[in-house]
Amino acid sequence: MTKETIDLKGRKALIVGVANADSLAWWAAKHIRNAGADVAMTYLNDKAKPHVAPLATELGAEILVPCDVAAPGQLETVFDALKEKWGTVDVIFHAVAFARKEDLRGRLTDCSAEGFTQSMLISCHSFIHMARLAEPLMQQGGTLITLSYYGAEKVVDHYNVMGPVKAALEATVRYLAHELGPKGIRVNAISAGPVKTRAASGIEHFDELLLEAAAKAPLRRTVDACEIGRVSVLLASDYGASITGEVLHADAGFHVAGMVFH
């Protein structure tokens, strides 16, 4: 009997968005590497590098380069490094999102055009940009993965501007899947349940959100970053070969709960 296993040996994966050891992107990188893939990682800037470089060393990452998706030319430099070192790439994991504090903590009604544009550029268009740069390096097909959240589907108090931005990201997943599918490139999003990360700390009353998720989710708990990492391995592997254009909920079932009262 053949033993079932997820094996990513020989595949090349770029992980964008690791900030520290609590990042969902870090757990994706860790599990993808543990499954046998070669890994490249990025860090935002010089301030972030001391937090990311030791993690890259821990995984034996073959490439570690800066990447501020809002800085002209930096994404191109990242993909030039991939092309020079590997020639190809099989997996892109995109975990990049941003909103100004006043927009994240204020009403969407009051969000400035500049703030909305910046949030959309960094959180959504950067995924499109990565897809465009990855396409010529995915001659044998590949996988693009991004991160979303339930606030893209339904109103979540205090998520504010990120709700419509993540909704746009989920629509982007579907359109990219449609356009790139004929080349064997799959595009999916993981709609992760709330996890305590540095990014989540910017959301007001986040602890209350965690409690609500645990109370209403069918599994009566929240999820942890390790679980999101495992889902990323599934989508990156041949076990996800028929999955594309999907927003896969990894949230202990919270998205099916609706207005359930306990």
C-alpha atoms as a PDB file:
ATOM      1  CA  MET A   1       0.000   0.000   0.000  1.00  0.00           C
ATOM      2  CA  THR A   2       1.300   3.425  -0.969  1.00  0.00           C
ATOM      3  CA  LYS A   3       1.558   5.835   1.943  1.00  0.00           C
ATOM      4  CA  GLU A   4      -0.195   9.148   1.368  1.00  0.00           C
ATOM      5  CA  THR A   5       2.019  12.165   1.974  1.00  0.00           C
ATOM      6  CA  ILE A   6       2.277  15.768   0.901  1.00  0.00           C
ATOM      7  CA  ASP A   7       5.609  16.221  -0.815  1.00  0.00           C
ATOM      8  CA  LEU A   8       6.824  19.562  -2.179  1.00  0.00           C
ATOM      9  CA  LYS A   9      10.399  18.427  -2.879  1.00  0.00           C
ATOM     10  CA  GLY A  10      11.892  20.154  -5.870  1.00  0.00           C
ATOM     11  CA  ARG A  11       9.442  23.039  -5.791  1.00  0.00           C
ATOM     12  CA  LYS A  12      10.410  26.659  -5.310  1.00  0.00           C
ATOM     13  CA  ALA A  13       8.320  28.894  -3.066  1.00  0.00           C
ATOM     14  CA  LEU A  14       8.403  32.652  -2.511  1.00  0.00           C
ATOM     15  CA  ILE A  15       6.919  33.841   0.782  1.00  0.00           C
ATOM     16  CA  VAL A  16       6.118  37.558   0.960  1.00  0.00           C
ATOM     17  CA  GLY A  17       4.914  39.201   4.151  1.00  0.00           C
ATOM     18  CA  VAL A  18       6.815  37.628   7.045  1.00  0.00           C
ATOM     19  CA  ALA A  19       7.155  40.231   9.799  1.00  0.00           C
ATOM     20  CA  ASN A  20       8.072  38.020  12.773  1.00  0.00           C
ATOM     21  CA  ALA A  21       7.533  34.559  14.232  1.00  0.00           C
ATOM     22  CA  ASP A  22       3.831  35.277  14.822  1.00  0.00           C
ATOM     23  CA  SER A  23       3.117  36.048  11.165  1.00  0.00           C
ATOM     24  CA  LEU A  24       0.793  33.746   9.253  1.00  0.00           C
ATOM     25  CA  ALA A  25       3.312  34.019   6.408  1.00  0.00           C
ATOM     26  CA  TRP A  26       6.009  32.605   8.696  1.00  0.00           C
ATOM     27  CA  TRP A  27       3.921  29.538   9.451  1.00  0.00           C
ATOM     28  CA  ALA A  28       3.201  29.100   5.762  1.00  0.00           C
ATOM     29  CA  ALA A  29       6.932  29.320   5.052  1.00  0.00           C
ATOM     30  CA  LYS A  30       7.712  26.858   7.827  1.00  0.00           C
ATOM     31  CA  HIS A  31       5.228  24.222   6.700  1.00  0.00           C
ATOM     32  CA  ILE A  32       6.017  24.633   3.009  1.00  0.00           C
ATOM     33  CA  ARG A  33       9.695  24.192   3.799  1.00  0.00           C
ATOM     34  CA  ASN A  34       8.980  21.189   6.041  1.00  0.00           C
ATOM     35  CA  ALA A  35       7.172  19.610   3.089  1.00  0.00           C
ATOM     36  CA  GLY A  36      10.424  19.801   1.131  1.00  0.00           C
ATOM     37  CA  ALA A  37      10.186  22.972  -0.957  1.00  0.00           C
ATOM     38  CA  ASP A  38      13.054  25.397  -1.390  1.00  0.00           C
ATOM     39  CA  VAL A  39      12.082  28.752   0.089  1.00  0.00           C
ATOM     40  CA  ALA A  40      12.739  32.408  -0.669  1.00  0.00           C
ATOM     41  CA  MET A  41      11.628  35.071   1.793  1.00  0.00           C
ATOM     42  CA  THR A  42      11.340  38.841   1.852  1.00  0.00           C
ATOM     43  CA  TYR A  43      11.443  41.481   4.566  1.00  0.00           C
ATOM     44  CA  LEU A  44       9.815  44.901   4.440  1.00  0.00           C
ATOM     45  CA  ASN A  45      12.792  47.152   5.214  1.00  0.00           C
ATOM     46  CA  ASP A  46      15.962  47.470   7.283  1.00  0.00           C
ATOM     47  CA  LYS A  47      13.924  47.854  10.466  1.00  0.00           C
ATOM     48  CA  ALA A  48      12.169  44.555   9.829  1.00  0.00           C
ATOM     49  CA  LYS A  49      15.238  42.615   8.674  1.00  0.00           C
ATOM     50  CA  PRO A  50      16.541  41.679  12.176  1.00  0.00           C
ATOM     51  CA  HIS A  51      13.192  40.027  12.900  1.00  0.00           C
ATOM     52  CA  VAL A  52      13.026  38.110   9.627  1.00  0.00           C
ATOM     53  CA  ALA A  53      16.642  37.182   8.871  1.00  0.00           C
ATOM     54  CA  PRO A  54      16.960  34.654  11.754  1.00  0.00           C
ATOM     55  CA  LEU A  55      13.748  32.974  10.581  1.00  0.00           C
ATOM     56  CA  ALA A  56      15.098  32.726   7.049  1.00  0.00           C
ATOM     57  CA  THR A  57      18.289  31.201   8.434  1.00  0.00           C
ATOM     58  CA  GLU A  58      16.256  28.704  10.457  1.00  0.00           C
ATOM     59  CA  LEU A  59      14.576  27.472   7.286  1.00  0.00           C
ATOM     60  CA  GLY A  60      17.706  27.576   5.179  1.00  0.00           C
ATOM     61  CA  ALA A  61      16.035  30.038   2.828  1.00  0.00           C
ATOM     62  CA  GLU A  62      18.051  30.308  -0.374  1.00  0.00           C
ATOM     63  CA  ILE A  63      16.982  33.893  -1.035  1.00  0.00           C
ATOM     64  CA  LEU A  64      16.302  36.748   1.396  1.00  0.00           C
ATOM     65  CA  VAL A  65      15.642  40.143  -0.151  1.00  0.00           C
ATOM     66  CA  PRO A  66      13.840  43.370   0.800  1.00  0.00           C
ATOM     67  CA  CYS A  67      10.359  43.933  -0.578  1.00  0.00           C
ATOM     68  CA  ASP A  68       8.185  46.961  -0.024  1.00  0.00           C
ATOM     69  CA  VAL A  69       5.406  46.404  -2.566  1.00  0.00           C
ATOM     70  CA  ALA A  70       4.664  50.140  -2.582  1.00  0.00           C
ATOM     71  CA  ALA A  71       8.233  51.012  -3.602  1.00  0.00           C
ATOM     72  CA  PRO A  72       8.671  51.211  -7.390  1.00  0.00           C
ATOM     73  CA  GLY A  73      10.862  48.425  -8.737  1.00  0.00           C
ATOM     74  CA  GLN A  74      11.225  46.374  -5.561  1.00  0.00           C
ATOM     75  CA  LEU A  75       8.935  43.546  -6.654  1.00  0.00           C
ATOM     76  CA  GLU A  76      10.749  43.388  -9.975  1.00  0.00           C
ATOM     77  CA  THR A  77      14.039  43.075  -8.078  1.00  0.00           C
ATOM     78  CA  VAL A  78      12.618  40.184  -6.030  1.00  0.00           C
ATOM     79  CA  PHE A  79      11.572  38.284  -9.149  1.00  0.00           C
ATOM     80  CA  ASP A  80      14.889  39.033 -10.840  1.00  0.00           C
ATOM     81  CA  ALA A  81      16.557  37.323  -7.862  1.00  0.00           C
ATOM     82  CA  LEU A  82      14.266  34.299  -8.279  1.00  0.00           C
ATOM     83  CA  LYS A  83      15.016  34.106 -11.988  1.00  0.00           C
ATOM     84  CA  GLU A  84      18.765  34.355 -11.418  1.00  0.00           C
ATOM     85  CA  LYS A  85      18.872  31.772  -8.600  1.00  0.00           C
ATOM     86  CA  TRP A  86      16.161  29.328  -9.654  1.00  0.00           C
ATOM     87  CA  GLY A  87      14.952  30.199 -13.121  1.00  0.00           C
ATOM     88  CA  THR A  88      11.451  29.178 -12.090  1.00  0.00           C
ATOM     89  CA  VAL A  89       9.009  29.537  -9.197  1.00  0.00           C
ATOM     90  CA  ASP A  90       6.178  27.173  -8.256  1.00  0.00           C
ATOM     91  CA  VAL A  91       4.500  28.765  -5.245  1.00  0.00           C
ATOM     92  CA  ILE A  92       3.826  32.391  -4.321  1.00  0.00           C
ATOM     93  CA  PHE A  93       2.434  33.099  -0.851  1.00  0.00           C
ATOM     94  CA  HIS A  94       1.187  36.692  -0.548  1.00  0.00           C
ATOM     95  CA  ALA A  95       0.542  37.973   2.977  1.00  0.00           C
ATOM     96  CA  VAL A  96       0.661  41.719   2.501  1.00  0.00           C
ATOM     97  CA  ALA A  97      -1.957  44.148   3.811  1.00  0.00           C
ATOM     98  CA  PHE A  98      -1.979  47.723   5.060  1.00  0.00           C
ATOM     99  CA  ALA A  99      -4.365  50.452   6.147  1.00  0.00           C
ATOM    100  CA  ARG A 100      -3.597  53.766   7.765  1.00  0.00           C
ATOM    101  CA  LYS A 101      -4.483  53.769  11.450  1.00  0.00           C
ATOM    102  CA  GLU A 102      -7.055  56.518  11.007  1.00  0.00           C
ATOM    103  CA  ASP A 103      -8.744  54.544   8.234  1.00  0.00           C
ATOM    104  CA  LEU A 104      -8.638  51.200  10.018  1.00  0.00           C
ATOM    105  CA  ARG A 105      -9.966  52.698  13.250  1.00  0.00           C
ATOM    106  CA  GLY A 106     -12.312  55.211  11.651  1.00  0.00           C
ATOM    107  CA  ARG A 107     -15.513  54.810   9.668  1.00  0.00           C
ATOM    108  CA  LEU A 108     -15.341  53.708   6.064  1.00  0.00           C
ATOM    109  CA  THR A 109     -17.589  56.699   5.383  1.00  0.00           C
ATOM    110  CA  ASP A 110     -14.740  58.991   6.411  1.00  0.00           C
ATOM    111  CA  CYS A 111     -11.911  57.166   4.636  1.00  0.00           C
ATOM    112  CA  SER A 112      -9.892  59.487   2.422  1.00  0.00           C
ATOM    113  CA  ALA A 113      -9.300  58.766  -1.241  1.00  0.00           C
ATOM    114  CA  GLU A 114      -5.569  58.673  -0.531  1.00  0.00           C
ATOM    115  CA  GLY A 115      -5.957  56.214   2.333  1.00  0.00           C
ATOM    116  CA  PHE A 116      -8.284  53.959   0.357  1.00  0.00           C
ATOM    117  CA  THR A 117      -5.994  54.009  -2.659  1.00  0.00           C
ATOM    118  CA  GLN A 118      -2.929  53.176  -0.572  1.00  0.00           C
ATOM    119  CA  SER A 119      -4.677  50.304   1.168  1.00  0.00           C
ATOM    120  CA  MET A 120      -5.932  48.893  -2.132  1.00  0.00           C
ATOM    121  CA  LEU A 121      -2.535  49.254  -3.784  1.00  0.00           C
ATOM    122  CA  ILE A 122      -0.628  47.456  -1.031  1.00  0.00           C
ATOM    123  CA  SER A 123      -3.226  44.861  -0.023  1.00  0.00           C
ATOM    124  CA  CYS A 124      -4.768  43.976  -3.384  1.00  0.00           C
ATOM    125  CA  HIS A 125      -2.933  45.271  -6.437  1.00  0.00           C
ATOM    126  CA  SER A 126       0.363  43.906  -5.118  1.00  0.00           C
ATOM    127  CA  PHE A 127      -1.106  40.409  -5.596  1.00  0.00           C
ATOM    128  CA  ILE A 128      -1.944  41.238  -9.226  1.00  0.00           C
ATOM    129  CA  HIS A 129       1.578  42.598  -9.682  1.00  0.00           C
ATOM    130  CA  MET A 130       3.091  39.402  -8.259  1.00  0.00           C
ATOM    131  CA  ALA A 131       0.930  37.287 -10.545  1.00  0.00           C
ATOM    132  CA  ARG A 132       2.141  39.229 -13.574  1.00  0.00           C
ATOM    133  CA  LEU A 133       5.792  38.796 -12.563  1.00  0.00           C
ATOM    134  CA  ALA A 134       5.346  35.131 -11.617  1.00  0.00           C
ATOM    135  CA  GLU A 135       3.580  34.102 -14.836  1.00  0.00           C
ATOM    136  CA  PRO A 136       6.690  33.844 -17.048  1.00  0.00           C
ATOM    137  CA  LEU A 137       8.486  31.864 -14.321  1.00  0.00           C
ATOM    138  CA  MET A 138       5.640  29.329 -14.056  1.00  0.00           C
ATOM    139  CA  GLN A 139       6.067  27.626 -17.423  1.00  0.00           C
ATOM    140  CA  GLN A 140       5.036  24.277 -15.919  1.00  0.00           C
ATOM    141  CA  GLY A 141       2.201  25.754 -13.886  1.00  0.00           C
ATOM    142  CA  GLY A 142       2.178  26.959 -10.307  1.00  0.00           C
ATOM    143  CA  THR A 143       0.188  28.210  -7.361  1.00  0.00           C
ATOM    144  CA  LEU A 144      -0.598  31.695  -6.084  1.00  0.00           C
ATOM    145  CA  ILE A 145      -2.001  31.991  -2.552  1.00  0.00           C
ATOM    146  CA  THR A 146      -3.153  35.057  -0.649  1.00  0.00           C
ATOM    147  CA  LEU A 147      -4.790  35.724   2.716  1.00  0.00           C
ATOM    148  CA  SER A 148      -8.277  37.064   3.319  1.00  0.00           C
ATOM    149  CA  TYR A 149     -10.752  37.293   6.192  1.00  0.00           C
ATOM    150  CA  TYR A 150     -14.498  36.928   6.839  1.00  0.00           C
ATOM    151  CA  GLY A 151     -14.819  40.727   6.916  1.00  0.00           C
ATOM    152  CA  ALA A 152     -14.634  40.591   3.108  1.00  0.00           C
ATOM    153  CA  GLU A 153     -18.014  38.802   3.047  1.00  0.00           C
ATOM    154  CA  LYS A 154     -19.939  40.269   5.953  1.00  0.00           C
ATOM    155  CA  VAL A 155     -19.635  43.366   8.083  1.00  0.00           C
ATOM    156  CA  VAL A 156     -17.276  42.858  11.010  1.00  0.00           C
ATOM    157  CA  ASP A 157     -17.173  45.708  13.507  1.00  0.00           C
ATOM    158  CA  HIS A 158     -13.877  47.607  13.513  1.00  0.00           C
ATOM    159  CA  TYR A 159     -12.594  45.980  10.292  1.00  0.00           C
ATOM    160  CA  ASN A 160     -13.692  49.104   8.423  1.00  0.00           C
ATOM    161  CA  VAL A 161     -11.720  49.913   5.257  1.00  0.00           C
ATOM    162  CA  MET A 162     -10.142  46.452   5.108  1.00  0.00           C
ATOM    163  CA  GLY A 163     -13.565  44.901   4.451  1.00  0.00           C
ATOM    164  CA  PRO A 164     -13.986  46.285   0.928  1.00  0.00           C
ATOM    165  CA  VAL A 165     -10.258  45.944   0.261  1.00  0.00           C
ATOM    166  CA  LYS A 166     -10.299  42.230   1.100  1.00  0.00           C
ATOM    167  CA  ALA A 167     -13.522  41.830  -0.910  1.00  0.00           C
ATOM    168  CA  ALA A 168     -11.629  43.238  -3.886  1.00  0.00           C
ATOM    169  CA  LEU A 169      -8.786  40.798  -3.187  1.00  0.00           C
ATOM    170  CA  GLU A 170     -11.194  37.849  -3.218  1.00  0.00           C
ATOM    171  CA  ALA A 171     -12.658  39.005  -6.542  1.00  0.00           C
ATOM    172  CA  THR A 172      -9.102  39.353  -7.829  1.00  0.00           C
ATOM    173  CA  VAL A 173      -8.460  35.713  -6.934  1.00  0.00           C
ATOM    174  CA  ARG A 174     -11.361  34.630  -9.130  1.00  0.00           C
ATOM    175  CA  TYR A 175     -10.336  36.745 -12.107  1.00  0.00           C
ATOM    176  CA  LEU A 176      -6.679  35.725 -11.912  1.00  0.00           C
ATOM    177  CA  ALA A 177      -7.712  32.066 -11.662  1.00  0.00           C
ATOM    178  CA  HIS A 178      -9.789  32.498 -14.826  1.00  0.00           C
ATOM    179  CA  GLU A 179      -7.003  34.215 -16.752  1.00  0.00           C
ATOM    180  CA  LEU A 180      -4.067  32.060 -15.625  1.00  0.00           C
ATOM    181  CA  GLY A 181      -5.807  28.691 -15.446  1.00  0.00           C
ATOM    182  CA  PRO A 182      -5.067  27.749 -19.067  1.00  0.00           C
ATOM    183  CA  LYS A 183      -1.367  27.917 -18.163  1.00  0.00           C
ATOM    184  CA  GLY A 184      -1.834  25.566 -15.226  1.00  0.00           C
ATOM    185  CA  ILE A 185      -1.504  28.350 -12.667  1.00  0.00           C
ATOM    186  CA  ARG A 186      -3.921  28.052  -9.750  1.00  0.00           C
ATOM    187  CA  VAL A 187      -4.974  31.045  -7.664  1.00  0.00           C
ATOM    188  CA  ASN A 188      -6.632  30.770  -4.251  1.00  0.00           C
ATOM    189  CA  ALA A 189      -7.180  32.652  -1.014  1.00  0.00           C
ATOM    190  CA  ILE A 190      -7.235  31.369   2.540  1.00  0.00           C
ATOM    191  CA  SER A 191      -9.896  33.130   4.601  1.00  0.00           C
ATOM    192  CA  ALA A 192      -8.249  32.697   7.970  1.00  0.00           C
ATOM    193  CA  GLY A 193     -10.006  32.923  11.292  1.00  0.00           C
ATOM    194  CA  PRO A 194      -8.712  35.614  13.647  1.00  0.00           C
ATOM    195  CA  VAL A 195      -5.182  34.937  14.892  1.00  0.00           C
ATOM    196  CA  LYS A 196      -3.127  37.186  17.161  1.00  0.00           C
ATOM    197  CA  THR A 197      -0.510  38.728  14.897  1.00  0.00           C
ATOM    198  CA  ARG A 198       1.133  42.132  14.694  1.00  0.00           C
ATOM    199  CA  ALA A 199      -1.222  43.076  11.861  1.00  0.00           C
ATOM    200  CA  ALA A 200      -4.270  42.066  13.901  1.00  0.00           C
ATOM    201  CA  SER A 201      -3.150  44.278  16.759  1.00  0.00           C
ATOM    202  CA  GLY A 202      -4.216  47.280  14.701  1.00  0.00           C
ATOM    203  CA  ILE A 203      -7.871  46.221  14.832  1.00  0.00           C
ATOM    204  CA  GLU A 204      -9.763  47.726  17.752  1.00  0.00           C
ATOM    205  CA  HIS A 205     -11.403  45.317  20.221  1.00  0.00           C
ATOM    206  CA  PHE A 206      -9.578  42.388  18.632  1.00  0.00           C
ATOM    207  CA  ASP A 207      -9.760  40.331  21.834  1.00  0.00           C
ATOM    208  CA  GLU A 208     -13.550  40.618  21.725  1.00  0.00           C
ATOM    209  CA  LEU A 209     -13.510  39.398  18.147  1.00  0.00           C
ATOM    210  CA  LEU A 210     -11.492  36.344  19.207  1.00  0.00           C
ATOM    211  CA  LEU A 211     -13.992  35.557  21.944  1.00  0.00           C
ATOM    212  CA  GLU A 212     -16.923  35.878  19.555  1.00  0.00           C
ATOM    213  CA  ALA A 213     -15.240  33.623  17.011  1.00  0.00           C
ATOM    214  CA  ALA A 214     -14.617  30.957  19.635  1.00  0.00           C
ATOM    215  CA  ALA A 215     -18.201  31.154  20.903  1.00  0.00           C
ATOM    216  CA  LYS A 216     -19.909  30.997  17.503  1.00  0.00           C
ATOM    217  CA  ALA A 217     -17.656  28.737  15.450  1.00  0.00           C
ATOM    218  CA  PRO A 218     -18.966  25.177  15.103  1.00  0.00           C
ATOM    219  CA  LEU A 219     -15.709  23.844  16.525  1.00  0.00           C
ATOM    220  CA  ARG A 220     -16.112  26.244  19.477  1.00  0.00           C
ATOM    221  CA  ARG A 221     -12.588  27.543  19.163  1.00  0.00           C
ATOM    222  CA  THR A 222     -10.414  29.862  17.160  1.00  0.00           C
ATOM    223  CA  VAL A 223      -7.630  28.716  14.854  1.00  0.00           C
ATOM    224  CA  ASP A 224      -3.890  29.049  15.272  1.00  0.00           C
ATOM    225  CA  ALA A 225      -1.220  30.135  12.819  1.00  0.00           C
ATOM    226  CA  CYS A 226       0.093  26.598  12.452  1.00  0.00           C
ATOM    227  CA  GLU A 227      -3.244  25.498  11.001  1.00  0.00           C
ATOM    228  CA  ILE A 228      -3.117  28.233   8.378  1.00  0.00           C
ATOM    229  CA  GLY A 229       0.373  27.048   7.473  1.00  0.00           C
ATOM    230  CA  ARG A 230      -0.911  23.527   6.900  1.00  0.00           C
ATOM    231  CA  VAL A 231      -3.707  24.758   4.646  1.00  0.00           C
ATOM    232  CA  SER A 232      -1.119  26.627   2.576  1.00  0.00           C
ATOM    233  CA  VAL A 233       0.757  23.348   2.068  1.00  0.00           C
ATOM    234  CA  LEU A 234      -2.441  21.684   0.885  1.00  0.00           C
ATOM    235  CA  LEU A 235      -3.079  24.413  -1.688  1.00  0.00           C
ATOM    236  CA  ALA A 236       0.551  24.376  -2.827  1.00  0.00           C
ATOM    237  CA  SER A 237       0.594  20.622  -3.319  1.00  0.00           C
ATOM    238  CA  ASP A 238      -0.851  18.170  -5.825  1.00  0.00           C
ATOM    239  CA  TYR A 239      -3.623  17.513  -3.308  1.00  0.00           C
ATOM    240  CA  GLY A 240      -4.965  20.918  -4.307  1.00  0.00           C
ATOM    241  CA  ALA A 241      -4.483  20.361  -8.038  1.00  0.00           C
ATOM    242  CA  SER A 242      -8.193  20.760  -8.819  1.00  0.00           C
ATOM    243  CA  ILE A 243      -8.728  23.793  -6.563  1.00  0.00           C
ATOM    244  CA  THR A 244      -8.549  27.248  -8.095  1.00  0.00           C
ATOM    245  CA  GLY A 245     -10.491  30.489  -7.819  1.00  0.00           C
ATOM    246  CA  GLU A 246     -11.419  29.416  -4.302  1.00  0.00           C
ATOM    247  CA  VAL A 247     -11.670  31.284  -1.016  1.00  0.00           C
ATOM    248  CA  LEU A 248     -10.954  28.456   1.396  1.00  0.00           C
ATOM    249  CA  HIS A 249     -12.174  29.151   4.922  1.00  0.00           C
ATOM    250  CA  ALA A 250      -9.829  28.016   7.664  1.00  0.00           C
ATOM    251  CA  ASP A 251     -11.745  29.486  10.587  1.00  0.00           C
ATOM    252  CA  ALA A 252     -13.089  26.567  12.652  1.00  0.00           C
ATOM    253  CA  GLY A 253     -16.324  26.982  10.692  1.00  0.00           C
ATOM    254  CA  PHE A 254     -17.105  30.502  11.892  1.00  0.00           C
ATOM    255  CA  HIS A 255     -18.257  31.572   8.416  1.00  0.00           C
ATOM    256  CA  VAL A 256     -21.244  29.182   8.533  1.00  0.00           C
ATOM    257  CA  ALA A 257     -22.427  30.291  11.974  1.00  0.00           C
ATOM    258  CA  GLY A 258     -24.182  33.531  11.004  1.00  0.00           C
ATOM    259  CA  MET A 259     -26.225  35.059  13.805  1.00  0.00           C
ATOM    260  CA  VAL A 260     -26.200  32.010  16.069  1.00  0.00           C
ATOM    261  CA  PHE A 261     -26.793  32.821  19.715  1.00  0.00           C
ATOM    262  CA  HIS A 262     -25.591  30.652  22.575  1.00  0.00           C
END
